[in-house]
Amino acid sequence: MDDYFDNIDSTEINLKYFTEHHESIYKAYEKYGQLVHKDGGPLDEKTCWLIKIALSTECQYPRALRTHILKAIKSGCTKEEIEHAILLVAPSAGFPRTMQGILILRNLLSEVDGQSIH
């Protein structure tokens, strides 16, 4: 996990490479994600992001978790709602995964200090 925070730019560099070399694949993937998120069912945007936060925490995908937290904040989720979604992982997937998720949330919130997070 420390490696993740030390190499945060590697995700953006790799994504730039992928989109430049495989643009049509990325656009199709991005469109698919948008369709599932928006047209897949009756859940509102905030709920969708909270589910994605819980899934990223459970699967131990720190980069996805970081992205989903930022998108949840943008959609209006509070720090408490995001933290609750992460806490819900513990009974099903284990306390260590939850603790890793909380650490990522805390580090991310300290990075975006100054944004309005309740």
C-alpha atoms as a PDB file:
ATOM      1  CA  MET A   1       0.000   0.000   0.000  1.00  0.00           C
ATOM      2  CA  ASP A   2       2.855   2.433   0.702  1.00  0.00           C
ATOM      3  CA  ASP A   3       4.012   1.813  -2.854  1.00  0.00           C
ATOM      4  CA  TYR A   4       0.599   2.972  -4.034  1.00  0.00           C
ATOM      5  CA  PHE A   5       0.905   6.345  -2.345  1.00  0.00           C
ATOM      6  CA  ASP A   6       4.499   6.740  -3.526  1.00  0.00           C
ATOM      7  CA  ASN A   7       3.541   6.056  -7.152  1.00  0.00           C
ATOM      8  CA  ILE A   8       0.157   7.727  -7.485  1.00  0.00           C
ATOM      9  CA  ASP A   9       1.127   9.290 -10.821  1.00  0.00           C
ATOM     10  CA  SER A  10       1.814   5.867 -12.335  1.00  0.00           C
ATOM     11  CA  THR A  11      -1.922   5.267 -12.704  1.00  0.00           C
ATOM     12  CA  GLU A  12      -2.377   8.441 -14.708  1.00  0.00           C
ATOM     13  CA  ILE A  13       0.702   7.732 -16.825  1.00  0.00           C
ATOM     14  CA  ASN A  14      -0.474   4.205 -17.555  1.00  0.00           C
ATOM     15  CA  LEU A  15      -4.012   5.376 -18.346  1.00  0.00           C
ATOM     16  CA  LYS A  16      -2.624   7.980 -20.747  1.00  0.00           C
ATOM     17  CA  TYR A  17      -0.584   5.265 -22.480  1.00  0.00           C
ATOM     18  CA  PHE A  18      -3.605   2.970 -22.705  1.00  0.00           C
ATOM     19  CA  THR A  19      -5.936   5.636 -24.081  1.00  0.00           C
ATOM     20  CA  GLU A  20      -3.368   6.719 -26.670  1.00  0.00           C
ATOM     21  CA  HIS A  21      -2.650   3.180 -27.845  1.00  0.00           C
ATOM     22  CA  HIS A  22      -6.072   1.593 -27.376  1.00  0.00           C
ATOM     23  CA  GLU A  23      -8.463   4.516 -27.653  1.00  0.00           C
ATOM     24  CA  SER A  24     -11.449   2.636 -29.072  1.00  0.00           C
ATOM     25  CA  ILE A  25     -11.208  -0.091 -26.419  1.00  0.00           C
ATOM     26  CA  TYR A  26     -11.016   2.477 -23.640  1.00  0.00           C
ATOM     27  CA  LYS A  27     -13.964   4.466 -25.018  1.00  0.00           C
ATOM     28  CA  ALA A  28     -16.063   1.288 -25.199  1.00  0.00           C
ATOM     29  CA  TYR A  29     -15.068   0.344 -21.642  1.00  0.00           C
ATOM     30  CA  GLU A  30     -15.837   3.849 -20.386  1.00  0.00           C
ATOM     31  CA  LYS A  31     -19.229   3.865 -22.130  1.00  0.00           C
ATOM     32  CA  TYR A  32     -20.066   0.446 -20.671  1.00  0.00           C
ATOM     33  CA  GLY A  33     -19.267   1.707 -17.173  1.00  0.00           C
ATOM     34  CA  GLN A  34     -21.442   4.786 -17.675  1.00  0.00           C
ATOM     35  CA  LEU A  35     -24.363   2.705 -18.925  1.00  0.00           C
ATOM     36  CA  VAL A  36     -24.199   0.290 -15.999  1.00  0.00           C
ATOM     37  CA  HIS A  37     -23.886   3.146 -13.525  1.00  0.00           C
ATOM     38  CA  LYS A  38     -26.657   5.339 -14.932  1.00  0.00           C
ATOM     39  CA  ASP A  39     -29.017   2.998 -16.788  1.00  0.00           C
ATOM     40  CA  GLY A  40     -28.434  -0.268 -14.956  1.00  0.00           C
ATOM     41  CA  GLY A  41     -31.208   0.174 -12.440  1.00  0.00           C
ATOM     42  CA  PRO A  42     -33.012   2.370  -9.932  1.00  0.00           C
ATOM     43  CA  LEU A  43     -30.139   3.196  -7.548  1.00  0.00           C
ATOM     44  CA  ASP A  44     -29.225   6.861  -7.229  1.00  0.00           C
ATOM     45  CA  GLU A  45     -25.721   8.094  -8.026  1.00  0.00           C
ATOM     46  CA  LYS A  46     -24.577   8.396  -4.401  1.00  0.00           C
ATOM     47  CA  THR A  47     -25.649   4.832  -3.619  1.00  0.00           C
ATOM     48  CA  CYS A  48     -23.822   3.518  -6.685  1.00  0.00           C
ATOM     49  CA  TRP A  49     -20.575   5.190  -5.583  1.00  0.00           C
ATOM     50  CA  LEU A  50     -20.953   3.891  -2.014  1.00  0.00           C
ATOM     51  CA  ILE A  51     -21.378   0.351  -3.350  1.00  0.00           C
ATOM     52  CA  LYS A  52     -18.289   0.801  -5.526  1.00  0.00           C
ATOM     53  CA  ILE A  53     -16.366   2.032  -2.471  1.00  0.00           C
ATOM     54  CA  ALA A  54     -17.344  -1.074  -0.509  1.00  0.00           C
ATOM     55  CA  LEU A  55     -16.412  -3.339  -3.417  1.00  0.00           C
ATOM     56  CA  SER A  56     -13.046  -1.653  -3.942  1.00  0.00           C
ATOM     57  CA  THR A  57     -12.337  -1.944  -0.218  1.00  0.00           C
ATOM     58  CA  GLU A  58     -13.264  -5.633  -0.145  1.00  0.00           C
ATOM     59  CA  CYS A  59     -11.241  -6.440  -3.266  1.00  0.00           C
ATOM     60  CA  GLN A  60      -8.284  -4.429  -1.958  1.00  0.00           C
ATOM     61  CA  TYR A  61      -8.046  -2.225  -5.046  1.00  0.00           C
ATOM     62  CA  PRO A  62      -6.549   0.931  -3.530  1.00  0.00           C
ATOM     63  CA  ARG A  63      -6.391   2.877  -6.781  1.00  0.00           C
ATOM     64  CA  ALA A  64     -10.024   2.112  -7.582  1.00  0.00           C
ATOM     65  CA  LEU A  65     -11.002   2.938  -4.006  1.00  0.00           C
ATOM     66  CA  ARG A  66      -9.295   6.314  -4.240  1.00  0.00           C
ATOM     67  CA  THR A  67     -11.070   7.081  -7.537  1.00  0.00           C
ATOM     68  CA  HIS A  68     -14.446   5.946  -6.191  1.00  0.00           C
ATOM     69  CA  ILE A  69     -14.057   8.047  -3.040  1.00  0.00           C
ATOM     70  CA  LEU A  70     -13.318  11.149  -5.119  1.00  0.00           C
ATOM     71  CA  LYS A  71     -16.320  10.485  -7.369  1.00  0.00           C
ATOM     72  CA  ALA A  72     -18.524   9.856  -4.319  1.00  0.00           C
ATOM     73  CA  ILE A  73     -17.481  13.192  -2.844  1.00  0.00           C
ATOM     74  CA  LYS A  74     -18.249  14.881  -6.159  1.00  0.00           C
ATOM     75  CA  SER A  75     -21.703  13.261  -6.197  1.00  0.00           C
ATOM     76  CA  GLY A  76     -22.463  14.654  -2.738  1.00  0.00           C
ATOM     77  CA  CYS A  77     -21.503  11.834  -0.375  1.00  0.00           C
ATOM     78  CA  THR A  78     -20.298  12.906   3.047  1.00  0.00           C
ATOM     79  CA  LYS A  79     -17.184  11.588   4.788  1.00  0.00           C
ATOM     80  CA  GLU A  80     -19.481   9.774   7.214  1.00  0.00           C
ATOM     81  CA  GLU A  81     -21.376   8.015   4.415  1.00  0.00           C
ATOM     82  CA  ILE A  82     -18.132   6.958   2.753  1.00  0.00           C
ATOM     83  CA  GLU A  83     -16.665   5.745   6.021  1.00  0.00           C
ATOM     84  CA  HIS A  84     -19.863   3.799   6.753  1.00  0.00           C
ATOM     85  CA  ALA A  85     -19.607   2.040   3.377  1.00  0.00           C
ATOM     86  CA  ILE A  86     -16.040   1.039   4.248  1.00  0.00           C
ATOM     87  CA  LEU A  87     -17.026  -0.122   7.751  1.00  0.00           C
ATOM     88  CA  LEU A  88     -19.707  -2.385   6.270  1.00  0.00           C
ATOM     89  CA  VAL A  89     -16.937  -4.441   4.673  1.00  0.00           C
ATOM     90  CA  ALA A  90     -15.584  -5.709   8.008  1.00  0.00           C
ATOM     91  CA  PRO A  91     -18.237  -8.320   8.910  1.00  0.00           C
ATOM     92  CA  SER A  92     -18.143  -9.902   5.445  1.00  0.00           C
ATOM     93  CA  ALA A  93     -14.562  -9.508   4.254  1.00  0.00           C
ATOM     94  CA  GLY A  94     -12.563  -8.829   7.387  1.00  0.00           C
ATOM     95  CA  PHE A  95     -11.258  -6.113   9.651  1.00  0.00           C
ATOM     96  CA  PRO A  96      -7.855  -5.706   7.929  1.00  0.00           C
ATOM     97  CA  ARG A  97      -9.503  -4.809   4.625  1.00  0.00           C
ATOM     98  CA  THR A  98     -11.679  -2.270   6.392  1.00  0.00           C
ATOM     99  CA  MET A  99      -8.670  -0.767   8.145  1.00  0.00           C
ATOM    100  CA  GLN A 100      -6.838  -0.436   4.826  1.00  0.00           C
ATOM    101  CA  GLY A 101      -9.893   1.308   3.354  1.00  0.00           C
ATOM    102  CA  ILE A 102     -10.109   3.704   6.305  1.00  0.00           C
ATOM    103  CA  LEU A 103      -6.418   4.525   5.901  1.00  0.00           C
ATOM    104  CA  ILE A 104      -6.881   5.296   2.206  1.00  0.00           C
ATOM    105  CA  LEU A 105      -9.903   7.478   3.012  1.00  0.00           C
ATOM    106  CA  ARG A 106      -8.036   9.380   5.729  1.00  0.00           C
ATOM    107  CA  ASN A 107      -4.987   9.940   3.520  1.00  0.00           C
ATOM    108  CA  LEU A 108      -7.139  11.085   0.623  1.00  0.00           C
ATOM    109  CA  LEU A 109      -9.131  13.484   2.793  1.00  0.00           C
ATOM    110  CA  SER A 110      -5.916  14.994   4.105  1.00  0.00           C
ATOM    111  CA  GLU A 111      -4.785  15.507   0.478  1.00  0.00           C
ATOM    112  CA  VAL A 112      -8.012  17.281  -0.479  1.00  0.00           C
ATOM    113  CA  ASP A 113      -8.129  19.289   2.737  1.00  0.00           C
ATOM    114  CA  GLY A 114      -9.946  22.430   1.879  1.00  0.00           C
ATOM    115  CA  GLN A 115     -12.746  20.686   0.017  1.00  0.00           C
ATOM    116  CA  SER A 116     -16.079  20.716   1.773  1.00  0.00           C
ATOM    117  CA  ILE A 117     -16.275  17.258   3.366  1.00  0.00           C
ATOM    118  CA  HIS A 118     -18.658  16.848   6.302  1.00  0.00           C
END
